[in-house]
Structure formats: structure tokens, C-alpha cells
PDB file of N, CA and C in Angstrom:
ATOM      1  N   MET A   1       8.242   8.813  13.201  1.00  0.00           N
ATOM      2  CA  MET A   1       8.027   7.619  12.430  1.00  0.00           C
ATOM      3  C   MET A   1       9.298   7.385  11.613  1.00  0.00           C
ATOM      4  N   ALA A   2       9.862   6.196  11.732  1.00  0.00           N
ATOM      5  CA  ALA A   2      11.107   5.863  11.043  1.00  0.00           C
ATOM      6  C   ALA A   2      10.827   5.376   9.626  1.00  0.00           C
ATOM      7  N   ASN A   3      11.733   5.712   8.719  1.00  0.00           N
ATOM      8  CA  ASN A   3      11.622   5.305   7.329  1.00  0.00           C
ATOM      9  C   ASN A   3      12.154   3.875   7.194  1.00  0.00           C
ATOM     10  N   PRO A   4      11.315   2.903   6.817  1.00  0.00           N
ATOM     11  CA  PRO A   4      11.755   1.507   6.769  1.00  0.00           C
ATOM     12  C   PRO A   4      12.818   1.241   5.713  1.00  0.00           C
ATOM     13  N   ARG A   5      12.803   1.976   4.603  1.00  0.00           N
ATOM     14  CA  ARG A   5      13.829   1.769   3.580  1.00  0.00           C
ATOM     15  C   ARG A   5      15.199   2.189   4.079  1.00  0.00           C
ATOM     16  N   ALA A   6      15.243   3.269   4.810  1.00  0.00           N
ATOM     17  CA  ALA A   6      16.519   3.752   5.321  1.00  0.00           C
ATOM     18  C   ALA A   6      17.034   2.876   6.456  1.00  0.00           C
ATOM     19  N   LEU A   7      16.166   2.109   7.072  1.00  0.00           N
ATOM     20  CA  LEU A   7      16.581   1.199   8.139  1.00  0.00           C
ATOM     21  C   LEU A   7      16.980  -0.163   7.591  1.00  0.00           C
ATOM     22  N   SER A   8      17.222  -0.254   6.303  1.00  0.00           N
ATOM     23  CA  SER A   8      17.569  -1.545   5.710  1.00  0.00           C
ATOM     24  C   SER A   8      18.886  -2.086   6.243  1.00  0.00           C
ATOM     25  N   VAL A   9      19.725  -1.236   6.832  1.00  0.00           N
ATOM     26  CA  VAL A   9      20.982  -1.694   7.434  1.00  0.00           C
ATOM     27  C   VAL A   9      20.683  -2.693   8.538  1.00  0.00           C
ATOM     28  N   VAL A  10      19.652  -2.448   9.298  1.00  0.00           N
ATOM     29  CA  VAL A  10      19.274  -3.359  10.374  1.00  0.00           C
ATOM     30  C   VAL A  10      18.795  -4.683   9.788  1.00  0.00           C
ATOM     31  N   ALA A  11      18.069  -4.620   8.689  1.00  0.00           N
ATOM     32  CA  ALA A  11      17.515  -5.833   8.097  1.00  0.00           C
ATOM     33  C   ALA A  11      18.581  -6.705   7.454  1.00  0.00           C
ATOM     34  N   THR A  12      19.706  -6.119   7.042  1.00  0.00           N
ATOM     35  CA  THR A  12      20.751  -6.890   6.372  1.00  0.00           C
ATOM     36  C   THR A  12      21.873  -7.307   7.317  1.00  0.00           C
ATOM     37  N   ALA A  13      21.695  -7.163   8.598  1.00  0.00           N
ATOM     38  CA  ALA A  13      22.729  -7.556   9.566  1.00  0.00           C
ATOM     39  C   ALA A  13      22.917  -9.069   9.549  1.00  0.00           C
ATOM     40  N   ASP A  14      24.158  -9.503   9.825  1.00  0.00           N
ATOM     41  CA  ASP A  14      24.462 -10.935   9.820  1.00  0.00           C
ATOM     42  C   ASP A  14      23.735 -11.674  10.934  1.00  0.00           C
ATOM     43  N   VAL A  15      23.788 -11.107  12.145  1.00  0.00           N
ATOM     44  CA  VAL A  15      23.127 -11.726  13.296  1.00  0.00           C
ATOM     45  C   VAL A  15      21.887 -10.906  13.606  1.00  0.00           C
ATOM     46  N   LYS A  16      20.718 -11.550  13.441  1.00  0.00           N
ATOM     47  CA  LYS A  16      19.461 -10.833  13.664  1.00  0.00           C
ATOM     48  C   LYS A  16      18.759 -11.365  14.892  1.00  0.00           C
ATOM     49  N   THR A  17      18.695 -10.524  15.874  1.00  0.00           N
ATOM     50  CA  THR A  17      17.883 -10.830  17.046  1.00  0.00           C
ATOM     51  C   THR A  17      17.112  -9.563  17.398  1.00  0.00           C
ATOM     52  N   ASP A  18      16.007  -9.726  18.088  1.00  0.00           N
ATOM     53  CA  ASP A  18      15.225  -8.560  18.486  1.00  0.00           C
ATOM     54  C   ASP A  18      16.033  -7.633  19.380  1.00  0.00           C
ATOM     55  N   ALA A  19      16.847  -8.209  20.259  1.00  0.00           N
ATOM     56  CA  ALA A  19      17.642  -7.399  21.176  1.00  0.00           C
ATOM     57  C   ALA A  19      18.648  -6.544  20.412  1.00  0.00           C
ATOM     58  N   ARG A  20      19.327  -7.134  19.423  1.00  0.00           N
ATOM     59  CA  ARG A  20      20.319  -6.372  18.646  1.00  0.00           C
ATOM     60  C   ARG A  20      19.633  -5.303  17.791  1.00  0.00           C
ATOM     61  N   ASP A  21      18.514  -5.669  17.173  1.00  0.00           N
ATOM     62  CA  ASP A  21      17.798  -4.700  16.345  1.00  0.00           C
ATOM     63  C   ASP A  21      17.317  -3.515  17.180  1.00  0.00           C
ATOM     64  N   SER A  22      16.739  -3.775  18.330  1.00  0.00           N
ATOM     65  CA  SER A  22      16.243  -2.688  19.181  1.00  0.00           C
ATOM     66  C   SER A  22      17.400  -1.849  19.717  1.00  0.00           C
ATOM     67  N   PHE A  23      18.531  -2.488  20.042  1.00  0.00           N
ATOM     68  CA  PHE A  23      19.705  -1.743  20.504  1.00  0.00           C
ATOM     69  C   PHE A  23      20.207  -0.816  19.392  1.00  0.00           C
ATOM     70  N   HIS A  24      20.289  -1.353  18.169  1.00  0.00           N
ATOM     71  CA  HIS A  24      20.774  -0.545  17.045  1.00  0.00           C
ATOM     72  C   HIS A  24      19.847   0.639  16.774  1.00  0.00           C
ATOM     73  N   ARG A  25      18.546   0.402  16.809  1.00  0.00           N
ATOM     74  CA  ARG A  25      17.595   1.486  16.580  1.00  0.00           C
ATOM     75  C   ARG A  25      17.640   2.515  17.707  1.00  0.00           C
ATOM     76  N   ALA A  26      17.828   2.051  18.924  1.00  0.00           N
ATOM     77  CA  ALA A  26      17.949   2.978  20.052  1.00  0.00           C
ATOM     78  C   ALA A  26      19.185   3.857  19.893  1.00  0.00           C
ATOM     79  N   GLN A  27      20.298   3.269  19.402  1.00  0.00           N
ATOM     80  CA  GLN A  27      21.513   4.056  19.162  1.00  0.00           C
ATOM     81  C   GLN A  27      21.270   5.107  18.077  1.00  0.00           C
ATOM     82  N   LEU A  28      20.572   4.720  17.026  1.00  0.00           N
ATOM     83  CA  LEU A  28      20.261   5.680  15.960  1.00  0.00           C
ATOM     84  C   LEU A  28      19.391   6.818  16.480  1.00  0.00           C
ATOM     85  N   LEU A  29      18.426   6.483  17.329  1.00  0.00           N
ATOM     86  CA  LEU A  29      17.558   7.504  17.900  1.00  0.00           C
ATOM     87  C   LEU A  29      18.326   8.412  18.851  1.00  0.00           C
ATOM     88  N   ARG A  30      19.190   7.819  19.655  1.00  0.00           N
ATOM     89  CA  ARG A  30      19.961   8.582  20.634  1.00  0.00           C
ATOM     90  C   ARG A  30      20.908   9.563  19.962  1.00  0.00           C
ATOM     91  N   THR A  31      21.501   9.169  18.852  1.00  0.00           N
ATOM     92  CA  THR A  31      22.471  10.026  18.162  1.00  0.00           C
ATOM     93  C   THR A  31      21.826  10.893  17.084  1.00  0.00           C
ATOM     94  N   ASN A  32      20.514  10.882  17.012  1.00  0.00           N
ATOM     95  CA  ASN A  32      19.752  11.681  16.040  1.00  0.00           C
ATOM     96  C   ASN A  32      20.018  11.263  14.593  1.00  0.00           C
ATOM     97  N   TYR A  33      20.289   9.991  14.373  1.00  0.00           N
ATOM     98  CA  TYR A  33      20.508   9.471  13.026  1.00  0.00           C
ATOM     99  C   TYR A  33      19.372   8.557  12.572  1.00  0.00           C
ATOM    100  N   LEU A  34      18.304   8.524  13.303  1.00  0.00           N
ATOM    101  CA  LEU A  34      17.160   7.699  12.920  1.00  0.00           C
ATOM    102  C   LEU A  34      16.476   8.362  11.722  1.00  0.00           C
ATOM    103  N   PRO A  35      16.454   7.690  10.564  1.00  0.00           N
ATOM    104  CA  PRO A  35      15.854   8.301   9.371  1.00  0.00           C
ATOM    105  C   PRO A  35      14.338   8.381   9.515  1.00  0.00           C
ATOM    106  N   GLU A  36      13.828   9.582   9.376  1.00  0.00           N
ATOM    107  CA  GLU A  36      12.394   9.793   9.568  1.00  0.00           C
ATOM    108  C   GLU A  36      11.660   9.792   8.237  1.00  0.00           C
ATOM    109  N   SER A  37      10.434   9.325   8.270  1.00  0.00           N
ATOM    110  CA  SER A  37       9.573   9.380   7.097  1.00  0.00           C
ATOM    111  C   SER A  37       8.948  10.762   7.015  1.00  0.00           C
ATOM    112  N   TYR A  38       8.622  11.165   5.795  1.00  0.00           N
ATOM    113  CA  TYR A  38       7.984  12.460   5.595  1.00  0.00           C
ATOM    114  C   TYR A  38       6.507  12.360   5.966  1.00  0.00           C
ATOM    115  N   VAL A  39       6.091  13.215   6.841  1.00  0.00           N
ATOM    116  CA  VAL A  39       4.675  13.325   7.209  1.00  0.00           C
ATOM    117  C   VAL A  39       4.260  14.751   6.874  1.00  0.00           C
ATOM    118  N   PRO A  40       3.378  14.923   5.892  1.00  0.00           N
ATOM    119  CA  PRO A  40       3.030  16.288   5.477  1.00  0.00           C
ATOM    120  C   PRO A  40       2.297  17.031   6.586  1.00  0.00           C
ATOM    121  N   PRO A  41       2.517  18.327   6.656  1.00  0.00           N
ATOM    122  CA  PRO A  41       1.763  19.120   7.625  1.00  0.00           C
ATOM    123  C   PRO A  41       0.274  19.102   7.278  1.00  0.00           C
ATOM    124  N   MET A  42      -0.540  19.545   8.192  1.00  0.00           N
ATOM    125  CA  MET A  42      -1.988  19.472   8.004  1.00  0.00           C
ATOM    126  C   MET A  42      -2.451  20.304   6.806  1.00  0.00           C
ATOM    127  N   ASP A  43      -1.889  21.492   6.604  1.00  0.00           N
ATOM    128  CA  ASP A  43      -2.369  22.372   5.548  1.00  0.00           C
ATOM    129  C   ASP A  43      -2.192  21.762   4.156  1.00  0.00           C
ATOM    130  N   PRO A  44      -0.982  21.323   3.740  1.00  0.00           N
ATOM    131  CA  PRO A  44      -0.879  20.712   2.403  1.00  0.00           C
ATOM    132  C   PRO A  44      -1.691  19.435   2.272  1.00  0.00           C
ATOM    133  N   ASP A  45      -1.831  18.693   3.353  1.00  0.00           N
ATOM    134  CA  ASP A  45      -2.619  17.473   3.282  1.00  0.00           C
ATOM    135  C   ASP A  45      -4.082  17.799   2.995  1.00  0.00           C
ATOM    136  N   GLY A  46      -4.596  18.864   3.601  1.00  0.00           N
ATOM    137  CA  GLY A  46      -5.964  19.286   3.334  1.00  0.00           C
ATOM    138  C   GLY A  46      -6.145  19.742   1.900  1.00  0.00           C
ATOM    139  N   VAL A  47      -5.131  20.431   1.360  1.00  0.00           N
ATOM    140  CA  VAL A  47      -5.193  20.879  -0.030  1.00  0.00           C
ATOM    141  C   VAL A  47      -5.194  19.677  -0.963  1.00  0.00           C
ATOM    142  N   ARG A  48      -4.360  18.683  -0.668  1.00  0.00           N
ATOM    143  CA  ARG A  48      -4.331  17.470  -1.486  1.00  0.00           C
ATOM    144  C   ARG A  48      -5.697  16.795  -1.507  1.00  0.00           C
ATOM    145  N   GLN A  49      -6.327  16.735  -0.351  1.00  0.00           N
ATOM    146  CA  GLN A  49      -7.637  16.093  -0.271  1.00  0.00           C
ATOM    147  C   GLN A  49      -8.666  16.875  -1.088  1.00  0.00           C
ATOM    148  N   LEU A  50      -8.627  18.203  -1.028  1.00  0.00           N
ATOM    149  CA  LEU A  50      -9.549  19.009  -1.820  1.00  0.00           C
ATOM    150  C   LEU A  50      -9.324  18.805  -3.314  1.00  0.00           C
ATOM    151  N   VAL A  51      -8.059  18.716  -3.720  1.00  0.00           N
ATOM    152  CA  VAL A  51      -7.758  18.499  -5.138  1.00  0.00           C
ATOM    153  C   VAL A  51      -8.280  17.135  -5.575  1.00  0.00           C
ATOM    154  N   ARG A  52      -8.108  16.122  -4.721  1.00  0.00           N
ATOM    155  CA  ARG A  52      -8.625  14.786  -5.048  1.00  0.00           C
ATOM    156  C   ARG A  52     -10.139  14.826  -5.225  1.00  0.00           C
ATOM    157  N   TYR A  53     -10.844  15.510  -4.321  1.00  0.00           N
ATOM    158  CA  TYR A  53     -12.298  15.595  -4.425  1.00  0.00           C
ATOM    159  C   TYR A  53     -12.701  16.364  -5.677  1.00  0.00           C
ATOM    160  N   ARG A  54     -11.925  17.360  -6.050  1.00  0.00           N
ATOM    161  CA  ARG A  54     -12.240  18.160  -7.231  1.00  0.00           C
ATOM    162  C   ARG A  54     -12.007  17.350  -8.504  1.00  0.00           C
ATOM    163  N   MET A  55     -11.000  16.492  -8.511  1.00  0.00           N
ATOM    164  CA  MET A  55     -10.670  15.722  -9.699  1.00  0.00           C
ATOM    165  C   MET A  55     -11.644  14.567  -9.923  1.00  0.00           C
ATOM    166  N   ASP A  56     -12.145  13.961  -8.875  1.00  0.00           N
ATOM    167  CA  ASP A  56     -13.003  12.782  -8.996  1.00  0.00           C
ATOM    168  C   ASP A  56     -14.243  13.006  -9.874  1.00  0.00           C
ATOM    169  N   PRO A  57     -15.038  14.078  -9.667  1.00  0.00           N
ATOM    170  CA  PRO A  57     -16.218  14.255 -10.521  1.00  0.00           C
ATOM    171  C   PRO A  57     -15.850  14.445 -11.996  1.00  0.00           C
ATOM    172  N   GLY A  58     -14.778  15.188 -12.270  1.00  0.00           N
ATOM    173  CA  GLY A  58     -14.357  15.399 -13.650  1.00  0.00           C
ATOM    174  C   GLY A  58     -13.949  14.098 -14.312  1.00  0.00           C
ATOM    175  N   GLU A  59     -13.241  13.258 -13.582  1.00  0.00           N
ATOM    176  CA  GLU A  59     -12.841  11.968 -14.131  1.00  0.00           C
ATOM    177  C   GLU A  59     -14.062  11.076 -14.356  1.00  0.00           C
ATOM    178  N   SER A  60     -15.042  11.157 -13.474  1.00  0.00           N
ATOM    179  CA  SER A  60     -16.250  10.352 -13.632  1.00  0.00           C
ATOM    180  C   SER A  60     -17.034  10.791 -14.865  1.00  0.00           C
ATOM    181  N   VAL A  61     -17.141  12.091 -15.083  1.00  0.00           N
ATOM    182  CA  VAL A  61     -17.849  12.597 -16.255  1.00  0.00           C
ATOM    183  C   VAL A  61     -17.136  12.140 -17.523  1.00  0.00           C
ATOM    184  N   ALA A  62     -15.812  12.255 -17.537  1.00  0.00           N
ATOM    185  CA  ALA A  62     -15.046  11.826 -18.715  1.00  0.00           C
ATOM    186  C   ALA A  62     -15.227  10.334 -18.965  1.00  0.00           C
ATOM    187  N   GLU A  63     -15.259   9.544 -17.903  1.00  0.00           N
ATOM    188  CA  GLU A  63     -15.440   8.097 -18.041  1.00  0.00           C
ATOM    189  C   GLU A  63     -16.803   7.764 -18.651  1.00  0.00           C
ATOM    190  N   VAL A  64     -17.855   8.435 -18.199  1.00  0.00           N
ATOM    191  CA  VAL A  64     -19.200   8.186 -18.727  1.00  0.00           C
ATOM    192  C   VAL A  64     -19.281   8.623 -20.186  1.00  0.00           C
ATOM    193  N   LYS A  65     -18.695   9.776 -20.512  1.00  0.00           N
ATOM    194  CA  LYS A  65     -18.711  10.244 -21.902  1.00  0.00           C
ATOM    195  C   LYS A  65     -17.967   9.267 -22.809  1.00  0.00           C
ATOM    196  N   ASN A  66     -16.840   8.753 -22.355  1.00  0.00           N
ATOM    197  CA  ASN A  66     -16.096   7.778 -23.150  1.00  0.00           C
ATOM    198  C   ASN A  66     -16.921   6.516 -23.387  1.00  0.00           C
ATOM    199  N   LYS A  67     -17.670   6.091 -22.379  1.00  0.00           N
ATOM    200  CA  LYS A  67     -18.524   4.910 -22.543  1.00  0.00           C
ATOM    201  C   LYS A  67     -19.633   5.164 -23.558  1.00  0.00           C
ATOM    202  N   VAL A  68     -20.213   6.370 -23.544  1.00  0.00           N
ATOM    203  CA  VAL A  68     -21.258   6.705 -24.510  1.00  0.00           C
ATOM    204  C   VAL A  68     -20.673   6.727 -25.917  1.00  0.00           C
ATOM    205  N   HIS A  69     -19.498   7.325 -26.075  1.00  0.00           N
ATOM    206  CA  HIS A  69     -18.849   7.338 -27.387  1.00  0.00           C
ATOM    207  C   HIS A  69     -18.579   5.917 -27.877  1.00  0.00           C
ATOM    208  N   ALA A  70     -18.154   5.037 -26.986  1.00  0.00           N
ATOM    209  CA  ALA A  70     -17.892   3.647 -27.365  1.00  0.00           C
ATOM    210  C   ALA A  70     -19.176   2.945 -27.782  1.00  0.00           C
ATOM    211  N   LEU A  71     -20.276   3.172 -27.063  1.00  0.00           N
ATOM    212  CA  LEU A  71     -21.561   2.569 -27.428  1.00  0.00           C
ATOM    213  C   LEU A  71     -22.038   3.060 -28.794  1.00  0.00           C
ATOM    214  N   VAL A  72     -21.865   4.333 -29.049  1.00  0.00           N
ATOM    215  CA  VAL A  72     -22.284   4.892 -30.338  1.00  0.00           C
ATOM    216  C   VAL A  72     -21.471   4.255 -31.456  1.00  0.00           C
ATOM    217  N   SER A  73     -20.169   4.158 -31.273  1.00  0.00           N
ATOM    218  CA  SER A  73     -19.313   3.558 -32.304  1.00  0.00           C
ATOM    219  C   SER A  73     -19.614   2.077 -32.479  1.00  0.00           C
ATOM    220  N   ARG A  74     -19.815   1.380 -31.389  1.00  0.00           N
ATOM    221  CA  ARG A  74     -20.058  -0.058 -31.431  1.00  0.00           C
ATOM    222  C   ARG A  74     -21.373  -0.388 -32.143  1.00  0.00           C
ATOM    223  N   ASN A  75     -22.359   0.472 -32.008  1.00  0.00           N
ATOM    224  CA  ASN A  75     -23.664   0.230 -32.608  1.00  0.00           C
ATOM    225  C   ASN A  75     -23.839   0.944 -33.944  1.00  0.00           C
ATOM    226  N   LEU A  76     -22.731   1.377 -34.519  1.00  0.00           N
ATOM    227  CA  LEU A  76     -22.704   1.994 -35.853  1.00  0.00           C
ATOM    228  C   LEU A  76     -23.632   3.203 -35.975  1.00  0.00           C
ATOM    229  N   LEU A  77     -23.701   3.999 -34.955  1.00  0.00           N
ATOM    230  CA  LEU A  77     -24.519   5.208 -34.982  1.00  0.00           C
ATOM    231  C   LEU A  77     -23.688   6.442 -35.330  1.00  0.00           C
ATOM    232  N   ASP A  78     -22.440   6.228 -35.743  1.00  0.00           N
ATOM    233  CA  ASP A  78     -21.564   7.354 -36.064  1.00  0.00           C
ATOM    234  C   ASP A  78     -22.135   8.195 -37.198  1.00  0.00           C
ATOM    235  N   SER A  79     -22.723   7.555 -38.212  1.00  0.00           N
ATOM    236  CA  SER A  79     -23.259   8.310 -39.352  1.00  0.00           C
ATOM    237  C   SER A  79     -24.439   9.178 -38.925  1.00  0.00           C
ATOM    238  N   PHE A  80     -25.235   8.702 -37.971  1.00  0.00           N
ATOM    239  CA  PHE A  80     -26.371   9.473 -37.469  1.00  0.00           C
ATOM    240  C   PHE A  80     -25.902  10.731 -36.753  1.00  0.00           C
ATOM    241  N   LEU A  81     -24.780  10.631 -36.065  1.00  0.00           N
ATOM    242  CA  LEU A  81     -24.278  11.753 -35.276  1.00  0.00           C
ATOM    243  C   LEU A  81     -23.160  12.509 -35.984  1.00  0.00           C
ATOM    244  N   ALA A  82     -22.990  12.310 -37.300  1.00  0.00           N
ATOM    245  CA  ALA A  82     -21.893  12.949 -38.034  1.00  0.00           C
ATOM    246  C   ALA A  82     -22.036  14.465 -38.076  1.00  0.00           C
ATOM    247  N   ASP A  83     -23.248  14.992 -37.975  1.00  0.00           N
ATOM    248  CA  ASP A  83     -23.458  16.437 -38.038  1.00  0.00           C
ATOM    249  C   ASP A  83     -23.027  17.148 -36.760  1.00  0.00           C
ATOM    250  N   TYR A  84     -22.780  16.406 -35.731  1.00  0.00           N
ATOM    251  CA  TYR A  84     -22.455  17.005 -34.441  1.00  0.00           C
ATOM    252  C   TYR A  84     -20.961  16.902 -34.176  1.00  0.00           C
ATOM    253  N   SER A  85     -20.377  18.019 -33.756  1.00  0.00           N
ATOM    254  CA  SER A  85     -18.960  18.003 -33.428  1.00  0.00           C
ATOM    255  C   SER A  85     -18.741  17.308 -32.084  1.00  0.00           C
ATOM    256  N   ASP A  86     -19.740  17.399 -31.229  1.00  0.00           N
ATOM    257  CA  ASP A  86     -19.649  16.783 -29.912  1.00  0.00           C
ATOM    258  C   ASP A  86     -21.032  16.247 -29.567  1.00  0.00           C
ATOM    259  N   VAL A  87     -21.119  14.983 -29.223  1.00  0.00           N
ATOM    260  CA  VAL A  87     -22.402  14.369 -28.893  1.00  0.00           C
ATOM    261  C   VAL A  87     -23.053  15.095 -27.723  1.00  0.00           C
ATOM    262  N   PHE A  88     -22.247  15.625 -26.820  1.00  0.00           N
ATOM    263  CA  PHE A  88     -22.772  16.280 -25.624  1.00  0.00           C
ATOM    264  C   PHE A  88     -22.865  17.791 -25.786  1.00  0.00           C
ATOM    265  N   GLY A  89     -22.466  18.293 -26.968  1.00  0.00           N
ATOM    266  CA  GLY A  89     -22.510  19.734 -27.197  1.00  0.00           C
ATOM    267  C   GLY A  89     -23.708  20.126 -28.024  1.00  0.00           C
ATOM    268  N   ARG A  90     -23.674  21.335 -28.563  1.00  0.00           N
ATOM    269  CA  ARG A  90     -24.810  21.844 -29.337  1.00  0.00           C
ATOM    270  C   ARG A  90     -24.815  21.298 -30.750  1.00  0.00           C
ATOM    271  N   GLY A  91     -23.683  21.386 -31.449  1.00  0.00           N
ATOM    272  CA  GLY A  91     -23.612  20.858 -32.804  1.00  0.00           C
ATOM    273  C   GLY A  91     -24.502  21.617 -33.775  1.00  0.00           C
ATOM    274  N   ASP A  92     -24.946  20.953 -34.840  1.00  0.00           N
ATOM    275  CA  ASP A  92     -25.786  21.551 -35.875  1.00  0.00           C
ATOM    276  C   ASP A  92     -27.248  21.305 -35.513  1.00  0.00           C
ATOM    277  N   SER A  93     -27.984  22.371 -35.293  1.00  0.00           N
ATOM    278  CA  SER A  93     -29.391  22.225 -34.881  1.00  0.00           C
ATOM    279  C   SER A  93     -30.307  21.923 -36.062  1.00  0.00           C
ATOM    280  N   SER A  94     -29.814  22.018 -37.301  1.00  0.00           N
ATOM    281  CA  SER A  94     -30.673  21.757 -38.453  1.00  0.00           C
ATOM    282  C   SER A  94     -30.982  20.277 -38.605  1.00  0.00           C
ATOM    283  N   ALA A  95     -30.249  19.402 -37.926  1.00  0.00           N
ATOM    284  CA  ALA A  95     -30.499  17.970 -38.024  1.00  0.00           C
ATOM    285  C   ALA A  95     -31.772  17.575 -37.306  1.00  0.00           C
ATOM    286  N   TRP A  96     -32.251  18.412 -36.418  1.00  0.00           N
ATOM    287  CA  TRP A  96     -33.469  18.084 -35.667  1.00  0.00           C
ATOM    288  C   TRP A  96     -34.618  18.554 -36.469  1.00  0.00           C
TER     289      TRP A  96
END
């Protein structure tokens, strides 16, 4: 797979025809100067996918917690929850 940014020389040519572009690319391929795009091997790609799956639930939990904190602040319930260090944690049980 050729890197399109590195092939910008073809795109900036004065005379652009399909025949000239294909000839130029064939010359680059023949002389082993065709710039290739990076394609990750299967193993790191699988690790990346696992990391993405691992990060998604954590980000979703953080997003929901942030929304709850915003609702509490918006509805002036901060004073009610002042005894708790974390709305989702244990906090002070004497308030119950």
C-alpha cells in the first residue's frame, strides 16, 4: 500500500495524465522507491483493540458519574451531600 502523502510529487506534476502518473508510479515500484504506508502486524493491532475495549467501559462510567455530579450541582443538592467525600463512595454513614 503506497503512502499518498509521499506520492505528492506525482500530484504536483505540471502535466497530469493517467498514463504519466501510472508510468511514474511503476518506475517508483520498479526501483523500490515507492513509499509504503505503515500497516501494523496482527499482534500489536490485536493489543490495540483490547486496550480500546478496556478503556471504553471506564470512560463510560466516568461520563455517567460526571453527569450525576452535574445534576446534583444544578439542582442545589450539594449541601445535602456535603458529608460525603464521594457520592459513589461510602462517605460518612452517620448521615443516614
